[in-house]
Amino acid sequence: MCSNKSTYRSDEEKDKLIKRLNIIEGQVRGINQMIKEDRYCNDILIQIAAVTNALKSLGNNILDRHLRTCVTREIKEDNLEIIDEVMNLVKKLQ
């Protein structure tokens, strides 16, 4: 489901998010290389766990900002439909 909404992010915030994504992308490429090199399963699984945790951390960071800015603004503007949106989001994140 696509949304026509958008969120303003400062250049500094975008840079931080992109830097984290680039690190994660590098980790995924590393896993790809490990598989090509027939590395030990345990080592690959540890790297997969690291990528998973990095993505969760990034997601939590974005969720925190979303709740503190976008959701708060919508509630202040008496748009209580945002609560349903957040609840649906929480269900998808579980």
PDB file of N, CA and C in Angstrom:
ATOM      1  N   MET A   1       0.849  -1.177   0.000  1.00  0.00           N
ATOM      2  CA  MET A   1       0.000   0.000   0.000  1.00  0.00           C
ATOM      3  C   MET A   1       0.893   1.238   0.000  1.00  0.00           C
ATOM      4  N   CYS A   2       0.726   2.089  -0.962  1.00  0.00           N
ATOM      5  CA  CYS A   2       1.522   3.304  -1.062  1.00  0.00           C
ATOM      6  C   CYS A   2       0.797   4.464  -0.401  1.00  0.00           C
ATOM      7  N   SER A   3       1.564   5.432   0.013  1.00  0.00           N
ATOM      8  CA  SER A   3       0.999   6.600   0.663  1.00  0.00           C
ATOM      9  C   SER A   3       1.481   7.844  -0.068  1.00  0.00           C
ATOM     10  N   ASN A   4       0.612   8.830  -0.164  1.00  0.00           N
ATOM     11  CA  ASN A   4       0.999  10.087  -0.785  1.00  0.00           C
ATOM     12  C   ASN A   4       1.625  11.030   0.227  1.00  0.00           C
ATOM     13  N   LYS A   5       1.707  10.590   1.467  1.00  0.00           N
ATOM     14  CA  LYS A   5       2.312  11.408   2.507  1.00  0.00           C
ATOM     15  C   LYS A   5       3.821  11.405   2.333  1.00  0.00           C
ATOM     16  N   SER A   6       4.449  12.411   2.872  1.00  0.00           N
ATOM     17  CA  SER A   6       5.905  12.450   2.875  1.00  0.00           C
ATOM     18  C   SER A   6       6.375  13.030   4.202  1.00  0.00           C
ATOM     19  N   THR A   7       7.637  12.802   4.492  1.00  0.00           N
ATOM     20  CA  THR A   7       8.226  13.284   5.729  1.00  0.00           C
ATOM     21  C   THR A   7       9.455  14.094   5.390  1.00  0.00           C
ATOM     22  N   TYR A   8       9.509  15.313   5.880  1.00  0.00           N
ATOM     23  CA  TYR A   8      10.702  16.133   5.679  1.00  0.00           C
ATOM     24  C   TYR A   8      11.801  15.620   6.590  1.00  0.00           C
ATOM     25  N   ARG A   9      12.980  15.458   6.042  1.00  0.00           N
ATOM     26  CA  ARG A   9      14.165  15.116   6.816  1.00  0.00           C
ATOM     27  C   ARG A   9      15.261  16.098   6.448  1.00  0.00           C
ATOM     28  N   SER A  10      15.958  16.570   7.459  1.00  0.00           N
ATOM     29  CA  SER A  10      17.070  17.486   7.192  1.00  0.00           C
ATOM     30  C   SER A  10      18.158  16.741   6.432  1.00  0.00           C
ATOM     31  N   ASP A  11      19.028  17.481   5.790  1.00  0.00           N
ATOM     32  CA  ASP A  11      20.141  16.853   5.069  1.00  0.00           C
ATOM     33  C   ASP A  11      21.000  16.032   6.032  1.00  0.00           C
ATOM     34  N   GLU A  12      21.187  16.528   7.241  1.00  0.00           N
ATOM     35  CA  GLU A  12      21.987  15.812   8.238  1.00  0.00           C
ATOM     36  C   GLU A  12      21.332  14.478   8.601  1.00  0.00           C
ATOM     37  N   GLU A  13      20.011  14.505   8.795  1.00  0.00           N
ATOM     38  CA  GLU A  13      19.296  13.273   9.132  1.00  0.00           C
ATOM     39  C   GLU A  13      19.358  12.280   7.977  1.00  0.00           C
ATOM     40  N   LYS A  14      19.137  12.774   6.747  1.00  0.00           N
ATOM     41  CA  LYS A  14      19.222  11.899   5.580  1.00  0.00           C
ATOM     42  C   LYS A  14      20.606  11.273   5.476  1.00  0.00           C
ATOM     43  N   ASP A  15      21.636  12.081   5.692  1.00  0.00           N
ATOM     44  CA  ASP A  15      23.005  11.575   5.605  1.00  0.00           C
ATOM     45  C   ASP A  15      23.251  10.458   6.613  1.00  0.00           C
ATOM     46  N   LYS A  16      22.744  10.627   7.844  1.00  0.00           N
ATOM     47  CA  LYS A  16      22.920   9.595   8.867  1.00  0.00           C
ATOM     48  C   LYS A  16      22.202   8.306   8.485  1.00  0.00           C
ATOM     49  N   LEU A  17      20.967   8.435   7.998  1.00  0.00           N
ATOM     50  CA  LEU A  17      20.204   7.256   7.596  1.00  0.00           C
ATOM     51  C   LEU A  17      20.863   6.551   6.412  1.00  0.00           C
ATOM     52  N   ILE A  18      21.303   7.321   5.444  1.00  0.00           N
ATOM     53  CA  ILE A  18      21.941   6.746   4.261  1.00  0.00           C
ATOM     54  C   ILE A  18      23.263   6.088   4.639  1.00  0.00           C
ATOM     55  N   LYS A  19      24.009   6.699   5.544  1.00  0.00           N
ATOM     56  CA  LYS A  19      25.266   6.103   5.993  1.00  0.00           C
ATOM     57  C   LYS A  19      25.005   4.738   6.639  1.00  0.00           C
ATOM     58  N   ARG A  20      23.971   4.662   7.483  1.00  0.00           N
ATOM     59  CA  ARG A  20      23.628   3.386   8.114  1.00  0.00           C
ATOM     60  C   ARG A  20      23.194   2.361   7.079  1.00  0.00           C
ATOM     61  N   LEU A  21      22.396   2.798   6.108  1.00  0.00           N
ATOM     62  CA  LEU A  21      21.963   1.881   5.047  1.00  0.00           C
ATOM     63  C   LEU A  21      23.147   1.393   4.206  1.00  0.00           C
ATOM     64  N   ASN A  22      24.103   2.263   3.955  1.00  0.00           N
ATOM     65  CA  ASN A  22      25.279   1.861   3.187  1.00  0.00           C
ATOM     66  C   ASN A  22      26.097   0.817   3.938  1.00  0.00           C
ATOM     67  N   ILE A  23      26.172   0.965   5.256  1.00  0.00           N
ATOM     68  CA  ILE A  23      26.870  -0.034   6.071  1.00  0.00           C
ATOM     69  C   ILE A  23      26.148  -1.375   5.978  1.00  0.00           C
ATOM     70  N   ILE A  24      24.830  -1.335   6.112  1.00  0.00           N
ATOM     71  CA  ILE A  24      24.031  -2.565   6.021  1.00  0.00           C
ATOM     72  C   ILE A  24      24.197  -3.194   4.640  1.00  0.00           C
ATOM     73  N   GLU A  25      24.163  -2.375   3.617  1.00  0.00           N
ATOM     74  CA  GLU A  25      24.357  -2.879   2.255  1.00  0.00           C
ATOM     75  C   GLU A  25      25.708  -3.576   2.122  1.00  0.00           C
ATOM     76  N   GLY A  26      26.732  -3.004   2.726  1.00  0.00           N
ATOM     77  CA  GLY A  26      28.059  -3.623   2.710  1.00  0.00           C
ATOM     78  C   GLY A  26      28.067  -4.962   3.433  1.00  0.00           C
ATOM     79  N   GLN A  27      27.334  -5.021   4.542  1.00  0.00           N
ATOM     80  CA  GLN A  27      27.239  -6.286   5.273  1.00  0.00           C
ATOM     81  C   GLN A  27      26.562  -7.356   4.416  1.00  0.00           C
ATOM     82  N   VAL A  28      25.504  -6.990   3.700  1.00  0.00           N
ATOM     83  CA  VAL A  28      24.802  -7.946   2.844  1.00  0.00           C
ATOM     84  C   VAL A  28      25.722  -8.414   1.720  1.00  0.00           C
ATOM     85  N   ARG A  29      26.469  -7.497   1.141  1.00  0.00           N
ATOM     86  CA  ARG A  29      27.432  -7.894   0.106  1.00  0.00           C
ATOM     87  C   ARG A  29      28.477  -8.847   0.684  1.00  0.00           C
ATOM     88  N   GLY A  30      28.863  -8.596   1.941  1.00  0.00           N
ATOM     89  CA  GLY A  30      29.810  -9.489   2.611  1.00  0.00           C
ATOM     90  C   GLY A  30      29.249 -10.890   2.777  1.00  0.00           C
ATOM     91  N   ILE A  31      27.969 -10.981   3.125  1.00  0.00           N
ATOM     92  CA  ILE A  31      27.323 -12.290   3.250  1.00  0.00           C
ATOM     93  C   ILE A  31      27.309 -12.999   1.892  1.00  0.00           C
ATOM     94  N   ASN A  32      27.002 -12.255   0.859  1.00  0.00           N
ATOM     95  CA  ASN A  32      27.010 -12.800  -0.497  1.00  0.00           C
ATOM     96  C   ASN A  32      28.391 -13.389  -0.812  1.00  0.00           C
ATOM     97  N   GLN A  33      29.419 -12.661  -0.484  1.00  0.00           N
ATOM     98  CA  GLN A  33      30.790 -13.115  -0.738  1.00  0.00           C
ATOM     99  C   GLN A  33      31.116 -14.355   0.092  1.00  0.00           C
ATOM    100  N   MET A  34      30.659 -14.365   1.335  1.00  0.00           N
ATOM    101  CA  MET A  34      30.899 -15.522   2.203  1.00  0.00           C
ATOM    102  C   MET A  34      30.282 -16.786   1.609  1.00  0.00           C
ATOM    103  N   ILE A  35      29.097 -16.648   1.055  1.00  0.00           N
ATOM    104  CA  ILE A  35      28.430 -17.800   0.438  1.00  0.00           C
ATOM    105  C   ILE A  35      29.214 -18.264  -0.789  1.00  0.00           C
ATOM    106  N   LYS A  36      29.655 -17.305  -1.595  1.00  0.00           N
ATOM    107  CA  LYS A  36      30.447 -17.657  -2.777  1.00  0.00           C
ATOM    108  C   LYS A  36      31.729 -18.388  -2.395  1.00  0.00           C
ATOM    109  N   GLU A  37      32.276 -18.044  -1.225  1.00  0.00           N
ATOM    110  CA  GLU A  37      33.536 -18.636  -0.766  1.00  0.00           C
ATOM    111  C   GLU A  37      33.322 -19.899   0.069  1.00  0.00           C
ATOM    112  N   ASP A  38      32.076 -20.371   0.143  1.00  0.00           N
ATOM    113  CA  ASP A  38      31.752 -21.574   0.918  1.00  0.00           C
ATOM    114  C   ASP A  38      32.183 -21.457   2.379  1.00  0.00           C
ATOM    115  N   ARG A  39      31.970 -20.296   2.943  1.00  0.00           N
ATOM    116  CA  ARG A  39      32.325 -20.095   4.349  1.00  0.00           C
ATOM    117  C   ARG A  39      31.430 -20.924   5.246  1.00  0.00           C
ATOM    118  N   TYR A  40      31.894 -21.156   6.453  1.00  0.00           N
ATOM    119  CA  TYR A  40      31.204 -21.964   7.447  1.00  0.00           C
ATOM    120  C   TYR A  40      29.843 -21.358   7.780  1.00  0.00           C
ATOM    121  N   CYS A  41      28.807 -22.203   7.851  1.00  0.00           N
ATOM    122  CA  CYS A  41      27.426 -21.755   8.076  1.00  0.00           C
ATOM    123  C   CYS A  41      27.307 -20.865   9.303  1.00  0.00           C
ATOM    124  N   ASN A  42      27.959 -21.246  10.383  1.00  0.00           N
ATOM    125  CA  ASN A  42      27.898 -20.481  11.631  1.00  0.00           C
ATOM    126  C   ASN A  42      28.327 -19.028  11.407  1.00  0.00           C
ATOM    127  N   ASP A  43      29.406 -18.845  10.674  1.00  0.00           N
ATOM    128  CA  ASP A  43      29.920 -17.496  10.402  1.00  0.00           C
ATOM    129  C   ASP A  43      28.921 -16.679   9.583  1.00  0.00           C
ATOM    130  N   ILE A  44      28.299 -17.335   8.606  1.00  0.00           N
ATOM    131  CA  ILE A  44      27.302 -16.648   7.766  1.00  0.00           C
ATOM    132  C   ILE A  44      26.091 -16.265   8.607  1.00  0.00           C
ATOM    133  N   LEU A  45      25.632 -17.184   9.442  1.00  0.00           N
ATOM    134  CA  LEU A  45      24.458 -16.910  10.273  1.00  0.00           C
ATOM    135  C   LEU A  45      24.725 -15.767  11.251  1.00  0.00           C
ATOM    136  N   ILE A  46      25.926 -15.677  11.770  1.00  0.00           N
ATOM    137  CA  ILE A  46      26.268 -14.559  12.662  1.00  0.00           C
ATOM    138  C   ILE A  46      26.179 -13.240  11.907  1.00  0.00           C
ATOM    139  N   GLN A  47      26.641 -13.226  10.671  1.00  0.00           N
ATOM    140  CA  GLN A  47      26.560 -12.005   9.868  1.00  0.00           C
ATOM    141  C   GLN A  47      25.113 -11.669   9.513  1.00  0.00           C
ATOM    142  N   ILE A  48      24.314 -12.675   9.248  1.00  0.00           N
ATOM    143  CA  ILE A  48      22.886 -12.440   8.974  1.00  0.00           C
ATOM    144  C   ILE A  48      22.217 -11.837  10.202  1.00  0.00           C
ATOM    145  N   ALA A  49      22.557 -12.343  11.389  1.00  0.00           N
ATOM    146  CA  ALA A  49      22.002 -11.791  12.628  1.00  0.00           C
ATOM    147  C   ALA A  49      22.427 -10.332  12.801  1.00  0.00           C
ATOM    148  N   ALA A  50      23.660 -10.025  12.444  1.00  0.00           N
ATOM    149  CA  ALA A  50      24.144  -8.650  12.554  1.00  0.00           C
ATOM    150  C   ALA A  50      23.360  -7.720  11.629  1.00  0.00           C
ATOM    151  N   VAL A  51      23.094  -8.164  10.403  1.00  0.00           N
ATOM    152  CA  VAL A  51      22.315  -7.360   9.449  1.00  0.00           C
ATOM    153  C   VAL A  51      20.889  -7.191   9.955  1.00  0.00           C
ATOM    154  N   THR A  52      20.310  -8.274  10.448  1.00  0.00           N
ATOM    155  CA  THR A  52      18.950  -8.215  10.979  1.00  0.00           C
ATOM    156  C   THR A  52      18.860  -7.205  12.113  1.00  0.00           C
ATOM    157  N   ASN A  53      19.811  -7.247  13.027  1.00  0.00           N
ATOM    158  CA  ASN A  53      19.813  -6.306  14.151  1.00  0.00           C
ATOM    159  C   ASN A  53      20.043  -4.872  13.689  1.00  0.00           C
ATOM    160  N   ALA A  54      20.889  -4.696  12.703  1.00  0.00           N
ATOM    161  CA  ALA A  54      21.135  -3.354  12.171  1.00  0.00           C
ATOM    162  C   ALA A  54      19.867  -2.785  11.529  1.00  0.00           C
ATOM    163  N   LEU A  55      19.142  -3.610  10.791  1.00  0.00           N
ATOM    164  CA  LEU A  55      17.882  -3.159  10.178  1.00  0.00           C
ATOM    165  C   LEU A  55      16.834  -2.852  11.241  1.00  0.00           C
ATOM    166  N   LYS A  56      16.753  -3.692  12.275  1.00  0.00           N
ATOM    167  CA  LYS A  56      15.802  -3.431  13.359  1.00  0.00           C
ATOM    168  C   LYS A  56      16.129  -2.116  14.050  1.00  0.00           C
ATOM    169  N   SER A  57      17.401  -1.880  14.298  1.00  0.00           N
ATOM    170  CA  SER A  57      17.819  -0.639  14.948  1.00  0.00           C
ATOM    171  C   SER A  57      17.461   0.573  14.086  1.00  0.00           C
ATOM    172  N   LEU A  58      17.718   0.481  12.799  1.00  0.00           N
ATOM    173  CA  LEU A  58      17.366   1.563  11.882  1.00  0.00           C
ATOM    174  C   LEU A  58      15.861   1.774  11.874  1.00  0.00           C
ATOM    175  N   GLY A  59      15.103   0.684  11.812  1.00  0.00           N
ATOM    176  CA  GLY A  59      13.644   0.784  11.828  1.00  0.00           C
ATOM    177  C   GLY A  59      13.138   1.420  13.108  1.00  0.00           C
ATOM    178  N   ASN A  60      13.717   1.039  14.239  1.00  0.00           N
ATOM    179  CA  ASN A  60      13.314   1.635  15.517  1.00  0.00           C
ATOM    180  C   ASN A  60      13.614   3.126  15.555  1.00  0.00           C
ATOM    181  N   ASN A  61      14.726   3.515  14.968  1.00  0.00           N
ATOM    182  CA  ASN A  61      15.090   4.929  14.903  1.00  0.00           C
ATOM    183  C   ASN A  61      14.065   5.710  14.081  1.00  0.00           C
ATOM    184  N   ILE A  62      13.675   5.173  12.947  1.00  0.00           N
ATOM    185  CA  ILE A  62      12.688   5.834  12.082  1.00  0.00           C
ATOM    186  C   ILE A  62      11.318   5.839  12.752  1.00  0.00           C
ATOM    187  N   LEU A  63      10.945   4.729  13.405  1.00  0.00           N
ATOM    188  CA  LEU A  63       9.676   4.664  14.121  1.00  0.00           C
ATOM    189  C   LEU A  63       9.616   5.698  15.237  1.00  0.00           C
ATOM    190  N   ASP A  64      10.693   5.814  15.993  1.00  0.00           N
ATOM    191  CA  ASP A  64      10.742   6.797  17.079  1.00  0.00           C
ATOM    192  C   ASP A  64      10.508   8.207  16.545  1.00  0.00           C
ATOM    193  N   ARG A  65      11.197   8.546  15.465  1.00  0.00           N
ATOM    194  CA  ARG A  65      11.023   9.879  14.882  1.00  0.00           C
ATOM    195  C   ARG A  65       9.606  10.055  14.356  1.00  0.00           C
ATOM    196  N   HIS A  66       9.049   9.015  13.752  1.00  0.00           N
ATOM    197  CA  HIS A  66       7.693   9.076  13.212  1.00  0.00           C
ATOM    198  C   HIS A  66       6.692   9.377  14.327  1.00  0.00           C
ATOM    199  N   LEU A  67       6.824   8.673  15.444  1.00  0.00           N
ATOM    200  CA  LEU A  67       5.896   8.885  16.559  1.00  0.00           C
ATOM    201  C   LEU A  67       6.048  10.282  17.149  1.00  0.00           C
ATOM    202  N   ARG A  68       7.274  10.751  17.265  1.00  0.00           N
ATOM    203  CA  ARG A  68       7.534  12.058  17.893  1.00  0.00           C
ATOM    204  C   ARG A  68       7.181  13.240  16.999  1.00  0.00           C
ATOM    205  N   THR A  69       7.136  13.018  15.688  1.00  0.00           N
ATOM    206  CA  THR A  69       6.875  14.139  14.785  1.00  0.00           C
ATOM    207  C   THR A  69       5.549  13.969  14.054  1.00  0.00           C
ATOM    208  N   CYS A  70       5.522  13.065  13.118  1.00  0.00           N
ATOM    209  CA  CYS A  70       4.342  12.900  12.248  1.00  0.00           C
ATOM    210  C   CYS A  70       3.085  12.560  13.040  1.00  0.00           C
ATOM    211  N   VAL A  71       3.178  11.550  13.889  1.00  0.00           N
ATOM    212  CA  VAL A  71       2.002  11.108  14.639  1.00  0.00           C
ATOM    213  C   VAL A  71       1.563  12.174  15.623  1.00  0.00           C
ATOM    214  N   THR A  72       2.504  12.769  16.316  1.00  0.00           N
ATOM    215  CA  THR A  72       2.177  13.828  17.277  1.00  0.00           C
ATOM    216  C   THR A  72       1.467  14.993  16.588  1.00  0.00           C
ATOM    217  N   ARG A  73       1.983  15.370  15.417  1.00  0.00           N
ATOM    218  CA  ARG A  73       1.367  16.471  14.664  1.00  0.00           C
ATOM    219  C   ARG A  73      -0.069  16.123  14.275  1.00  0.00           C
ATOM    220  N   GLU A  74      -0.283  14.918  13.782  1.00  0.00           N
ATOM    221  CA  GLU A  74      -1.624  14.503  13.375  1.00  0.00           C
ATOM    222  C   GLU A  74      -2.594  14.501  14.553  1.00  0.00           C
ATOM    223  N   ILE A  75      -2.145  14.052  15.698  1.00  0.00           N
ATOM    224  CA  ILE A  75      -3.011  14.043  16.884  1.00  0.00           C
ATOM    225  C   ILE A  75      -3.337  15.474  17.307  1.00  0.00           C
ATOM    226  N   LYS A  76      -2.358  16.361  17.271  1.00  0.00           N
ATOM    227  CA  LYS A  76      -2.601  17.764  17.627  1.00  0.00           C
ATOM    228  C   LYS A  76      -3.588  18.423  16.664  1.00  0.00           C
ATOM    229  N   GLU A  77      -3.612  17.917  15.424  1.00  0.00           N
ATOM    230  CA  GLU A  77      -4.550  18.443  14.429  1.00  0.00           C
ATOM    231  C   GLU A  77      -5.876  17.673  14.455  1.00  0.00           C
ATOM    232  N   ASP A  78      -6.102  16.922  15.525  1.00  0.00           N
ATOM    233  CA  ASP A  78      -7.323  16.137  15.738  1.00  0.00           C
ATOM    234  C   ASP A  78      -7.581  15.094  14.658  1.00  0.00           C
ATOM    235  N   ASN A  79      -6.542  14.612  14.021  1.00  0.00           N
ATOM    236  CA  ASN A  79      -6.684  13.520  13.072  1.00  0.00           C
ATOM    237  C   ASN A  79      -6.415  12.223  13.825  1.00  0.00           C
ATOM    238  N   LEU A  80      -7.439  11.695  14.457  1.00  0.00           N
ATOM    239  CA  LEU A  80      -7.281  10.494  15.267  1.00  0.00           C
ATOM    240  C   LEU A  80      -7.229   9.220  14.428  1.00  0.00           C
ATOM    241  N   GLU A  81      -7.452   9.343  13.127  1.00  0.00           N
ATOM    242  CA  GLU A  81      -7.271   8.190  12.238  1.00  0.00           C
ATOM    243  C   GLU A  81      -5.825   7.727  12.248  1.00  0.00           C
ATOM    244  N   ILE A  82      -4.936   8.610  12.646  1.00  0.00           N
ATOM    245  CA  ILE A  82      -3.517   8.259  12.706  1.00  0.00           C
ATOM    246  C   ILE A  82      -3.286   7.109  13.680  1.00  0.00           C
ATOM    247  N   ILE A  83      -4.143   6.979  14.684  1.00  0.00           N
ATOM    248  CA  ILE A  83      -4.000   5.887  15.651  1.00  0.00           C
ATOM    249  C   ILE A  83      -4.204   4.549  14.961  1.00  0.00           C
ATOM    250  N   ASP A  84      -5.197   4.466  14.080  1.00  0.00           N
ATOM    251  CA  ASP A  84      -5.408   3.235  13.313  1.00  0.00           C
ATOM    252  C   ASP A  84      -4.202   2.944  12.425  1.00  0.00           C
ATOM    253  N   GLU A  85      -3.654   3.986  11.821  1.00  0.00           N
ATOM    254  CA  GLU A  85      -2.483   3.818  10.966  1.00  0.00           C
ATOM    255  C   GLU A  85      -1.312   3.262  11.771  1.00  0.00           C
ATOM    256  N   VAL A  86      -1.102   3.817  12.955  1.00  0.00           N
ATOM    257  CA  VAL A  86      -0.002   3.361  13.808  1.00  0.00           C
ATOM    258  C   VAL A  86      -0.231   1.921  14.260  1.00  0.00           C
ATOM    259  N   MET A  87      -1.459   1.591  14.623  1.00  0.00           N
ATOM    260  CA  MET A  87      -1.751   0.224  15.053  1.00  0.00           C
ATOM    261  C   MET A  87      -1.508  -0.771  13.918  1.00  0.00           C
ATOM    262  N   ASN A  88      -1.900  -0.423  12.709  1.00  0.00           N
ATOM    263  CA  ASN A  88      -1.630  -1.282  11.553  1.00  0.00           C
ATOM    264  C   ASN A  88      -0.123  -1.424  11.313  1.00  0.00           C
ATOM    265  N   LEU A  89       0.603  -0.336  11.506  1.00  0.00           N
ATOM    266  CA  LEU A  89       2.051  -0.360  11.358  1.00  0.00           C
ATOM    267  C   LEU A  89       2.682  -1.288  12.397  1.00  0.00           C
ATOM    268  N   VAL A  90       2.252  -1.172  13.632  1.00  0.00           N
ATOM    269  CA  VAL A  90       2.779  -2.007  14.704  1.00  0.00           C
ATOM    270  C   VAL A  90       2.537  -3.487  14.396  1.00  0.00           C
ATOM    271  N   LYS A  91       1.376  -3.817  13.895  1.00  0.00           N
ATOM    272  CA  LYS A  91       1.070  -5.208  13.536  1.00  0.00           C
ATOM    273  C   LYS A  91       2.026  -5.714  12.446  1.00  0.00           C
ATOM    274  N   LYS A  92       2.337  -4.860  11.491  1.00  0.00           N
ATOM    275  CA  LYS A  92       3.236  -5.267  10.412  1.00  0.00           C
ATOM    276  C   LYS A  92       4.679  -5.414  10.892  1.00  0.00           C
ATOM    277  N   LEU A  93       5.033  -4.671  11.923  1.00  0.00           N
ATOM    278  CA  LEU A  93       6.409  -4.699  12.423  1.00  0.00           C
ATOM    279  C   LEU A  93       6.686  -5.881  13.354  1.00  0.00           C
ATOM    280  N   GLN A  94       5.637  -6.560  13.790  1.00  0.00           N
ATOM    281  CA  GLN A  94       5.839  -7.677  14.726  1.00  0.00           C
ATOM    282  C   GLN A  94       6.344  -8.900  14.038  1.00  0.00           C
TER     283      GLN A  94
END
